[in-house]
Amino acid sequence: MQTRPHLIGVLAGLFLAAGLVFASLVVARTWQRVAESQAISVTGSARRLVKSDLIVWAGSFSTEAKTLLAAQQALKADLVKVESFLQSQTVTNYQVSPIRIQELRQRINGEEGVRLVGYNLSLGVTVTSSEVERIAALDQQTAKLVEQGVQFTTSPPRFIYTKAGEAKIEMLAEATKDARARAEQIASQGGRTVKELRAAKMGVFQITPLYSNRSNSNWEGENDLNSLEKNITAVVNATFSMN
């Protein structure tokens, strides 16, 4: 009498054999379609590693006082310290934003409503530079401002690759070349040769962080601004005629 494990092994073998036969039929049918078709459509891609060549670095600071005049004077004194800090770091191409004013109101016990108790004033500074790594290192130096009593905070820098437009044109040509190579490989299995390009449609073009494994479902792709090093990917959907 056969044991149950033996029967399971026999059934597994039968299923495996059936799967191989089905796969062979699918592949044969694919090559048959290639052999009968007058055109072949494939997707090609190109990838390039780039390094950001522009940085936008921003910080802000604020002061509080009971009167608007006192808050303005304190903010002006802090601005002198911030500008002195930037100049000490050989940064001269910065921009200072307009002053933002916020009234501070508070509910007082025993009184109706709220009353004005002070003002909060803030300023922002923005540095745009092609010295990407040097400006990115400013974050490590801003502790000097805090030590001087300036309530200075920074935002994550934006890393930009300004030559993406030029790269896009070149990479679309590379992706089309890759599509043709794929088409020739497939067509040769069906005994056919690839002729001229009939149609090409640009697929997703995106800039992603280096070593990122995310896939973006947005047709417009992704434009990463958070990473110094990036990958650019271009995709082309191409149709070729065949002999």
C-alpha atoms as a PDB file:
ATOM      1  CA  MET A   1       0.000   0.000   0.000  1.00  0.00           C
ATOM      2  CA  GLN A   2       1.430   3.374  -1.067  1.00  0.00           C
ATOM      3  CA  THR A   3       2.039   5.895   1.669  1.00  0.00           C
ATOM      4  CA  ARG A   4       0.476   9.359   1.607  1.00  0.00           C
ATOM      5  CA  PRO A   5       3.861  11.141   1.137  1.00  0.00           C
ATOM      6  CA  HIS A   6       4.473   9.008  -1.939  1.00  0.00           C
ATOM      7  CA  LEU A   7       1.099  10.009  -3.406  1.00  0.00           C
ATOM      8  CA  ILE A   8       1.796  13.677  -2.694  1.00  0.00           C
ATOM      9  CA  GLY A   9       5.123  13.360  -4.527  1.00  0.00           C
ATOM     10  CA  VAL A  10       3.440  11.795  -7.552  1.00  0.00           C
ATOM     11  CA  LEU A  11       0.798  14.535  -7.667  1.00  0.00           C
ATOM     12  CA  ALA A  12       3.456  17.247  -7.348  1.00  0.00           C
ATOM     13  CA  GLY A  13       5.338  15.713 -10.258  1.00  0.00           C
ATOM     14  CA  LEU A  14       2.202  15.664 -12.380  1.00  0.00           C
ATOM     15  CA  PHE A  15       1.454  19.315 -11.612  1.00  0.00           C
ATOM     16  CA  LEU A  16       5.043  20.289 -12.437  1.00  0.00           C
ATOM     17  CA  ALA A  17       4.932  18.455 -15.735  1.00  0.00           C
ATOM     18  CA  ALA A  18       1.599  20.069 -16.622  1.00  0.00           C
ATOM     19  CA  GLY A  19       3.037  23.494 -15.785  1.00  0.00           C
ATOM     20  CA  LEU A  20       6.062  22.969 -18.021  1.00  0.00           C
ATOM     21  CA  VAL A  21       3.849  21.874 -20.888  1.00  0.00           C
ATOM     22  CA  PHE A  22       1.627  24.946 -20.453  1.00  0.00           C
ATOM     23  CA  ALA A  23       4.636  27.274 -20.325  1.00  0.00           C
ATOM     24  CA  SER A  24       6.007  25.707 -23.505  1.00  0.00           C
ATOM     25  CA  LEU A  25       2.698  26.270 -25.257  1.00  0.00           C
ATOM     26  CA  VAL A  26       2.616  29.914 -24.158  1.00  0.00           C
ATOM     27  CA  VAL A  27       6.177  30.525 -25.421  1.00  0.00           C
ATOM     28  CA  ALA A  28       5.438  28.744 -28.683  1.00  0.00           C
ATOM     29  CA  ARG A  29       2.303  30.818 -29.174  1.00  0.00           C
ATOM     30  CA  THR A  30       4.291  34.017 -28.462  1.00  0.00           C
ATOM     31  CA  TRP A  31       6.882  33.199 -31.119  1.00  0.00           C
ATOM     32  CA  GLN A  32       4.076  32.261 -33.516  1.00  0.00           C
ATOM     33  CA  ARG A  33       2.512  35.708 -33.058  1.00  0.00           C
ATOM     34  CA  VAL A  34       5.909  37.312 -33.681  1.00  0.00           C
ATOM     35  CA  ALA A  35       6.337  35.237 -36.825  1.00  0.00           C
ATOM     36  CA  GLU A  36       2.895  36.254 -38.138  1.00  0.00           C
ATOM     37  CA  SER A  37       2.914  39.947 -37.156  1.00  0.00           C
ATOM     38  CA  GLN A  38       4.049  42.823 -39.366  1.00  0.00           C
ATOM     39  CA  ALA A  39       5.146  44.977 -36.414  1.00  0.00           C
ATOM     40  CA  ILE A  40       6.469  44.602 -32.916  1.00  0.00           C
ATOM     41  CA  SER A  41       5.973  46.922 -29.935  1.00  0.00           C
ATOM     42  CA  VAL A  42       8.465  47.003 -27.088  1.00  0.00           C
ATOM     43  CA  THR A  43       9.482  49.204 -24.176  1.00  0.00           C
ATOM     44  CA  GLY A  44      13.017  50.536 -23.863  1.00  0.00           C
ATOM     45  CA  SER A  45      14.656  52.376 -21.001  1.00  0.00           C
ATOM     46  CA  ALA A  46      17.787  54.317 -20.098  1.00  0.00           C
ATOM     47  CA  ARG A  47      19.231  55.200 -16.708  1.00  0.00           C
ATOM     48  CA  ARG A  48      21.850  57.724 -15.664  1.00  0.00           C
ATOM     49  CA  LEU A  49      23.476  58.599 -12.338  1.00  0.00           C
ATOM     50  CA  VAL A  50      23.773  62.362 -11.743  1.00  0.00           C
ATOM     51  CA  LYS A  51      24.827  64.693  -8.956  1.00  0.00           C
ATOM     52  CA  SER A  52      22.854  67.805  -8.029  1.00  0.00           C
ATOM     53  CA  ASP A  53      24.501  70.992  -9.275  1.00  0.00           C
ATOM     54  CA  LEU A  54      22.321  73.538  -7.442  1.00  0.00           C
ATOM     55  CA  ILE A  55      21.188  73.851  -3.836  1.00  0.00           C
ATOM     56  CA  VAL A  56      18.507  75.997  -2.211  1.00  0.00           C
ATOM     57  CA  TRP A  57      19.164  76.338   1.523  1.00  0.00           C
ATOM     58  CA  ALA A  58      16.786  78.221   3.803  1.00  0.00           C
ATOM     59  CA  GLY A  59      16.603  79.204   7.443  1.00  0.00           C
ATOM     60  CA  SER A  60      14.459  81.466   9.598  1.00  0.00           C
ATOM     61  CA  PHE A  61      14.576  83.209  12.956  1.00  0.00           C
ATOM     62  CA  SER A  62      12.075  85.057  15.141  1.00  0.00           C
ATOM     63  CA  THR A  63      11.751  87.360  18.132  1.00  0.00           C
ATOM     64  CA  GLU A  64       8.989  88.133  20.625  1.00  0.00           C
ATOM     65  CA  ALA A  65       8.340  91.266  22.664  1.00  0.00           C
ATOM     66  CA  LYS A  66       5.475  93.090  24.368  1.00  0.00           C
ATOM     67  CA  THR A  67       5.629  95.990  21.933  1.00  0.00           C
ATOM     68  CA  LEU A  68       6.064  96.035  18.176  1.00  0.00           C
ATOM     69  CA  LEU A  69       9.008  98.422  18.439  1.00  0.00           C
ATOM     70  CA  ALA A  70      10.865  96.175  20.874  1.00  0.00           C
ATOM     71  CA  ALA A  71      10.253  93.131  18.675  1.00  0.00           C
ATOM     72  CA  GLN A  72      11.523  95.001  15.613  1.00  0.00           C
ATOM     73  CA  GLN A  73      14.660  96.125  17.425  1.00  0.00           C
ATOM     74  CA  ALA A  74      15.382  92.598  18.611  1.00  0.00           C
ATOM     75  CA  LEU A  75      14.799  91.206  15.113  1.00  0.00           C
ATOM     76  CA  LYS A  76      17.125  93.810  13.615  1.00  0.00           C
ATOM     77  CA  ALA A  77      19.860  92.852  16.085  1.00  0.00           C
ATOM     78  CA  ASP A  78      19.425  89.158  15.224  1.00  0.00           C
ATOM     79  CA  LEU A  79      19.568  89.942  11.501  1.00  0.00           C
ATOM     80  CA  VAL A  80      22.975  91.556  12.026  1.00  0.00           C
ATOM     81  CA  LYS A  81      24.181  88.343  13.697  1.00  0.00           C
ATOM     82  CA  VAL A  82      22.746  86.148  10.903  1.00  0.00           C
ATOM     83  CA  GLU A  83      24.317  88.244   8.145  1.00  0.00           C
ATOM     84  CA  SER A  84      27.641  88.254   9.991  1.00  0.00           C
ATOM     85  CA  PHE A  85      27.437  84.450  10.264  1.00  0.00           C
ATOM     86  CA  LEU A  86      26.723  84.036   6.537  1.00  0.00           C
ATOM     87  CA  GLN A  87      29.572  86.353   5.590  1.00  0.00           C
ATOM     88  CA  SER A  88      31.923  84.405   7.885  1.00  0.00           C
ATOM     89  CA  GLN A  89      30.970  81.322   5.837  1.00  0.00           C
ATOM     90  CA  THR A  90      31.750  83.214   2.597  1.00  0.00           C
ATOM     91  CA  VAL A  91      28.073  83.356   1.645  1.00  0.00           C
ATOM     92  CA  THR A  92      27.070  86.643   0.018  1.00  0.00           C
ATOM     93  CA  ASN A  93      24.305  85.726  -2.433  1.00  0.00           C
ATOM     94  CA  TYR A  94      21.539  85.291   0.144  1.00  0.00           C
ATOM     95  CA  GLN A  95      18.062  86.793   0.129  1.00  0.00           C
ATOM     96  CA  VAL A  96      16.117  88.057   3.133  1.00  0.00           C
ATOM     97  CA  SER A  97      12.333  87.685   3.122  1.00  0.00           C
ATOM     98  CA  PRO A  98       9.861  90.398   4.208  1.00  0.00           C
ATOM     99  CA  ILE A  99       9.107  90.535   7.931  1.00  0.00           C
ATOM    100  CA  ARG A 100       6.192  88.402   9.076  1.00  0.00           C
ATOM    101  CA  ILE A 101       4.248  89.867  11.995  1.00  0.00           C
ATOM    102  CA  GLN A 102       1.995  87.861  14.293  1.00  0.00           C
ATOM    103  CA  GLU A 103       0.002  89.402  17.110  1.00  0.00           C
ATOM    104  CA  LEU A 104       0.074  87.445  20.361  1.00  0.00           C
ATOM    105  CA  ARG A 105      -3.252  87.435  22.160  1.00  0.00           C
ATOM    106  CA  GLN A 106      -4.196  85.806  25.426  1.00  0.00           C
ATOM    107  CA  ARG A 107      -7.346  85.260  27.464  1.00  0.00           C
ATOM    108  CA  ILE A 108      -6.987  86.895  30.879  1.00  0.00           C
ATOM    109  CA  ASN A 109      -8.783  85.422  33.887  1.00  0.00           C
ATOM    110  CA  GLY A 110     -11.646  87.596  35.063  1.00  0.00           C
ATOM    111  CA  GLU A 111     -11.812  89.579  31.811  1.00  0.00           C
ATOM    112  CA  GLU A 112     -14.057  89.184  28.797  1.00  0.00           C
ATOM    113  CA  GLY A 113     -12.479  88.213  25.460  1.00  0.00           C
ATOM    114  CA  VAL A 114      -8.745  88.300  24.809  1.00  0.00           C
ATOM    115  CA  ARG A 115      -6.227  91.084  24.782  1.00  0.00           C
ATOM    116  CA  LEU A 116      -3.018  91.842  22.901  1.00  0.00           C
ATOM    117  CA  VAL A 117       0.006  90.784  24.954  1.00  0.00           C
ATOM    118  CA  GLY A 118       2.834  91.036  22.429  1.00  0.00           C
ATOM    119  CA  TYR A 119       4.220  90.458  18.959  1.00  0.00           C
ATOM    120  CA  ASN A 120       6.137  87.687  17.206  1.00  0.00           C
ATOM    121  CA  LEU A 121       8.270  88.806  14.263  1.00  0.00           C
ATOM    122  CA  SER A 122      10.152  86.459  11.938  1.00  0.00           C
ATOM    123  CA  LEU A 123      12.489  86.648   8.966  1.00  0.00           C
ATOM    124  CA  GLY A 124      13.714  84.061   6.499  1.00  0.00           C
ATOM    125  CA  VAL A 125      17.010  83.831   4.621  1.00  0.00           C
ATOM    126  CA  THR A 126      17.520  81.807   1.442  1.00  0.00           C
ATOM    127  CA  VAL A 127      20.792  80.829  -0.196  1.00  0.00           C
ATOM    128  CA  THR A 128      20.879  79.561  -3.788  1.00  0.00           C
ATOM    129  CA  SER A 129      24.268  78.298  -4.908  1.00  0.00           C
ATOM    130  CA  SER A 130      26.117  75.934  -7.223  1.00  0.00           C
ATOM    131  CA  GLU A 131      28.515  75.098  -4.362  1.00  0.00           C
ATOM    132  CA  VAL A 132      26.208  72.308  -3.309  1.00  0.00           C
ATOM    133  CA  GLU A 133      28.186  70.419  -0.691  1.00  0.00           C
ATOM    134  CA  ARG A 134      29.669  73.530   0.948  1.00  0.00           C
ATOM    135  CA  ILE A 135      26.274  75.171   1.396  1.00  0.00           C
ATOM    136  CA  ALA A 136      24.707  71.912   2.597  1.00  0.00           C
ATOM    137  CA  ALA A 137      27.277  71.928   5.413  1.00  0.00           C
ATOM    138  CA  LEU A 138      25.898  75.240   6.756  1.00  0.00           C
ATOM    139  CA  ASP A 139      23.416  73.281   8.866  1.00  0.00           C
ATOM    140  CA  GLN A 140      26.276  72.023  11.020  1.00  0.00           C
ATOM    141  CA  GLN A 141      27.440  75.579  11.683  1.00  0.00           C
ATOM    142  CA  THR A 142      24.142  77.257  12.648  1.00  0.00           C
ATOM    143  CA  ALA A 143      24.602  76.189  16.266  1.00  0.00           C
ATOM    144  CA  LYS A 144      26.857  79.245  16.517  1.00  0.00           C
ATOM    145  CA  LEU A 145      23.801  81.452  15.988  1.00  0.00           C
ATOM    146  CA  VAL A 146      21.807  79.634  18.653  1.00  0.00           C
ATOM    147  CA  GLU A 147      24.727  80.160  21.055  1.00  0.00           C
ATOM    148  CA  GLN A 148      24.398  83.908  20.375  1.00  0.00           C
ATOM    149  CA  GLY A 149      20.732  83.836  21.364  1.00  0.00           C
ATOM    150  CA  VAL A 150      19.243  83.733  17.845  1.00  0.00           C
ATOM    151  CA  GLN A 151      16.253  81.412  17.501  1.00  0.00           C
ATOM    152  CA  PHE A 152      17.461  80.112  14.153  1.00  0.00           C
ATOM    153  CA  THR A 153      16.031  77.016  12.473  1.00  0.00           C
ATOM    154  CA  THR A 154      16.604  75.517   9.026  1.00  0.00           C
ATOM    155  CA  SER A 155      14.534  73.587   6.506  1.00  0.00           C
ATOM    156  CA  PRO A 156      15.813  70.537   4.593  1.00  0.00           C
ATOM    157  CA  PRO A 157      17.835  71.821   1.622  1.00  0.00           C
ATOM    158  CA  ARG A 158      16.545  71.303  -1.904  1.00  0.00           C
ATOM    159  CA  PHE A 159      19.000  69.590  -4.245  1.00  0.00           C
ATOM    160  CA  ILE A 160      18.390  70.338  -7.922  1.00  0.00           C
ATOM    161  CA  TYR A 161      19.875  68.934 -11.128  1.00  0.00           C
ATOM    162  CA  THR A 162      19.592  71.795 -13.596  1.00  0.00           C
ATOM    163  CA  LYS A 163      20.585  69.818 -16.706  1.00  0.00           C
ATOM    164  CA  ALA A 164      17.606  67.458 -16.584  1.00  0.00           C
ATOM    165  CA  GLY A 165      16.157  68.954 -19.779  1.00  0.00           C
ATOM    166  CA  GLU A 166      19.323  68.240 -21.764  1.00  0.00           C
ATOM    167  CA  ALA A 167      19.626  64.782 -20.239  1.00  0.00           C
ATOM    168  CA  LYS A 168      16.019  64.015 -21.160  1.00  0.00           C
ATOM    169  CA  ILE A 169      16.660  64.477 -24.897  1.00  0.00           C
ATOM    170  CA  GLU A 170      19.796  62.336 -24.833  1.00  0.00           C
ATOM    171  CA  MET A 171      18.234  59.614 -22.721  1.00  0.00           C
ATOM    172  CA  LEU A 172      15.130  59.309 -24.880  1.00  0.00           C
ATOM    173  CA  ALA A 173      17.451  58.497 -27.784  1.00  0.00           C
ATOM    174  CA  GLU A 174      19.225  55.915 -25.584  1.00  0.00           C
ATOM    175  CA  ALA A 175      15.900  54.404 -24.513  1.00  0.00           C
ATOM    176  CA  THR A 176      14.798  54.127 -28.151  1.00  0.00           C
ATOM    177  CA  LYS A 177      18.071  52.359 -28.978  1.00  0.00           C
ATOM    178  CA  ASP A 178      17.440  49.983 -26.086  1.00  0.00           C
ATOM    179  CA  ALA A 179      13.901  49.342 -27.372  1.00  0.00           C
ATOM    180  CA  ARG A 180      15.286  48.394 -30.796  1.00  0.00           C
ATOM    181  CA  ALA A 181      17.783  45.981 -29.217  1.00  0.00           C
ATOM    182  CA  ARG A 182      14.942  44.324 -27.297  1.00  0.00           C
ATOM    183  CA  ALA A 183      12.802  44.139 -30.441  1.00  0.00           C
ATOM    184  CA  GLU A 184      15.631  42.519 -32.414  1.00  0.00           C
ATOM    185  CA  GLN A 185      16.179  39.926 -29.704  1.00  0.00           C
ATOM    186  CA  ILE A 186      12.503  38.991 -29.647  1.00  0.00           C
ATOM    187  CA  ALA A 187      12.063  39.058 -33.426  1.00  0.00           C
ATOM    188  CA  SER A 188      15.066  36.817 -34.030  1.00  0.00           C
ATOM    189  CA  GLN A 189      13.416  34.073 -31.984  1.00  0.00           C
ATOM    190  CA  GLY A 190      10.553  34.127 -34.453  1.00  0.00           C
ATOM    191  CA  GLY A 191      12.811  34.131 -37.505  1.00  0.00           C
ATOM    192  CA  ARG A 192      12.172  37.799 -38.265  1.00  0.00           C
ATOM    193  CA  THR A 193      14.309  40.946 -38.602  1.00  0.00           C
ATOM    194  CA  VAL A 194      13.482  44.450 -37.387  1.00  0.00           C
ATOM    195  CA  LYS A 195      13.185  47.239 -39.952  1.00  0.00           C
ATOM    196  CA  GLU A 196      12.368  50.903 -39.366  1.00  0.00           C
ATOM    197  CA  LEU A 197      10.806  52.630 -36.389  1.00  0.00           C
ATOM    198  CA  ARG A 198       7.092  53.199 -36.988  1.00  0.00           C
ATOM    199  CA  ALA A 199       6.084  55.017 -33.816  1.00  0.00           C
ATOM    200  CA  ALA A 200       7.556  56.051 -30.492  1.00  0.00           C
ATOM    201  CA  LYS A 201       5.856  57.400 -27.412  1.00  0.00           C
ATOM    202  CA  MET A 202       7.664  58.794 -24.408  1.00  0.00           C
ATOM    203  CA  GLY A 203       6.858  56.995 -21.208  1.00  0.00           C
ATOM    204  CA  VAL A 204       7.699  58.055 -17.675  1.00  0.00           C
ATOM    205  CA  PHE A 205      10.709  60.323 -17.120  1.00  0.00           C
ATOM    206  CA  GLN A 206      11.693  60.625 -13.491  1.00  0.00           C
ATOM    207  CA  ILE A 207      14.453  61.656 -11.124  1.00  0.00           C
ATOM    208  CA  THR A 208      14.682  59.505  -8.008  1.00  0.00           C
ATOM    209  CA  PRO A 209      17.095  59.269  -5.049  1.00  0.00           C
ATOM    210  CA  LEU A 210      20.134  57.069  -5.540  1.00  0.00           C
ATOM    211  CA  TYR A 211      19.500  53.474  -4.382  1.00  0.00           C
ATOM    212  CA  SER A 212      15.755  54.149  -4.180  1.00  0.00           C
ATOM    213  CA  ASN A 213      13.533  51.155  -4.891  1.00  0.00           C
ATOM    214  CA  ARG A 214      10.262  53.092  -4.970  1.00  0.00           C
ATOM    215  CA  SER A 215       8.156  52.797  -8.071  1.00  0.00           C
ATOM    216  CA  ASN A 216       6.066  55.840  -8.929  1.00  0.00           C
ATOM    217  CA  SER A 217       2.634  55.158 -10.364  1.00  0.00           C
ATOM    218  CA  ASN A 218       2.224  58.783 -11.415  1.00  0.00           C
ATOM    219  CA  TRP A 219       2.556  59.021 -15.211  1.00  0.00           C
ATOM    220  CA  GLU A 220       4.374  62.329 -14.811  1.00  0.00           C
ATOM    221  CA  GLY A 221       7.052  60.568 -12.770  1.00  0.00           C
ATOM    222  CA  GLU A 222       8.979  61.833  -9.775  1.00  0.00           C
ATOM    223  CA  ASN A 223      11.311  64.803  -9.441  1.00  0.00           C
ATOM    224  CA  ASP A 224      13.391  64.238  -6.317  1.00  0.00           C
ATOM    225  CA  LEU A 225      14.655  67.360  -4.520  1.00  0.00           C
ATOM    226  CA  ASN A 226      15.898  65.738  -1.318  1.00  0.00           C
ATOM    227  CA  SER A 227      18.997  63.822  -2.425  1.00  0.00           C
ATOM    228  CA  LEU A 228      22.431  64.996  -3.531  1.00  0.00           C
ATOM    229  CA  GLU A 229      22.904  62.022  -5.871  1.00  0.00           C
ATOM    230  CA  LYS A 230      20.055  60.879  -8.080  1.00  0.00           C
ATOM    231  CA  ASN A 231      19.038  58.412 -10.771  1.00  0.00           C
ATOM    232  CA  ILE A 232      17.373  59.654 -13.947  1.00  0.00           C
ATOM    233  CA  THR A 233      15.220  57.129 -15.792  1.00  0.00           C
ATOM    234  CA  ALA A 234      13.660  57.546 -19.242  1.00  0.00           C
ATOM    235  CA  VAL A 235      11.202  55.105 -20.822  1.00  0.00           C
ATOM    236  CA  VAL A 236      10.090  54.878 -24.456  1.00  0.00           C
ATOM    237  CA  ASN A 237       7.327  52.717 -25.941  1.00  0.00           C
ATOM    238  CA  ALA A 238       8.348  51.977 -29.545  1.00  0.00           C
ATOM    239  CA  THR A 239       6.836  50.097 -32.499  1.00  0.00           C
ATOM    240  CA  PHE A 240       9.017  48.673 -35.299  1.00  0.00           C
ATOM    241  CA  SER A 241       8.089  47.068 -38.598  1.00  0.00           C
ATOM    242  CA  MET A 242       9.508  43.622 -39.370  1.00  0.00           C
ATOM    243  CA  ASN A 243      10.675  41.628 -42.387  1.00  0.00           C
END
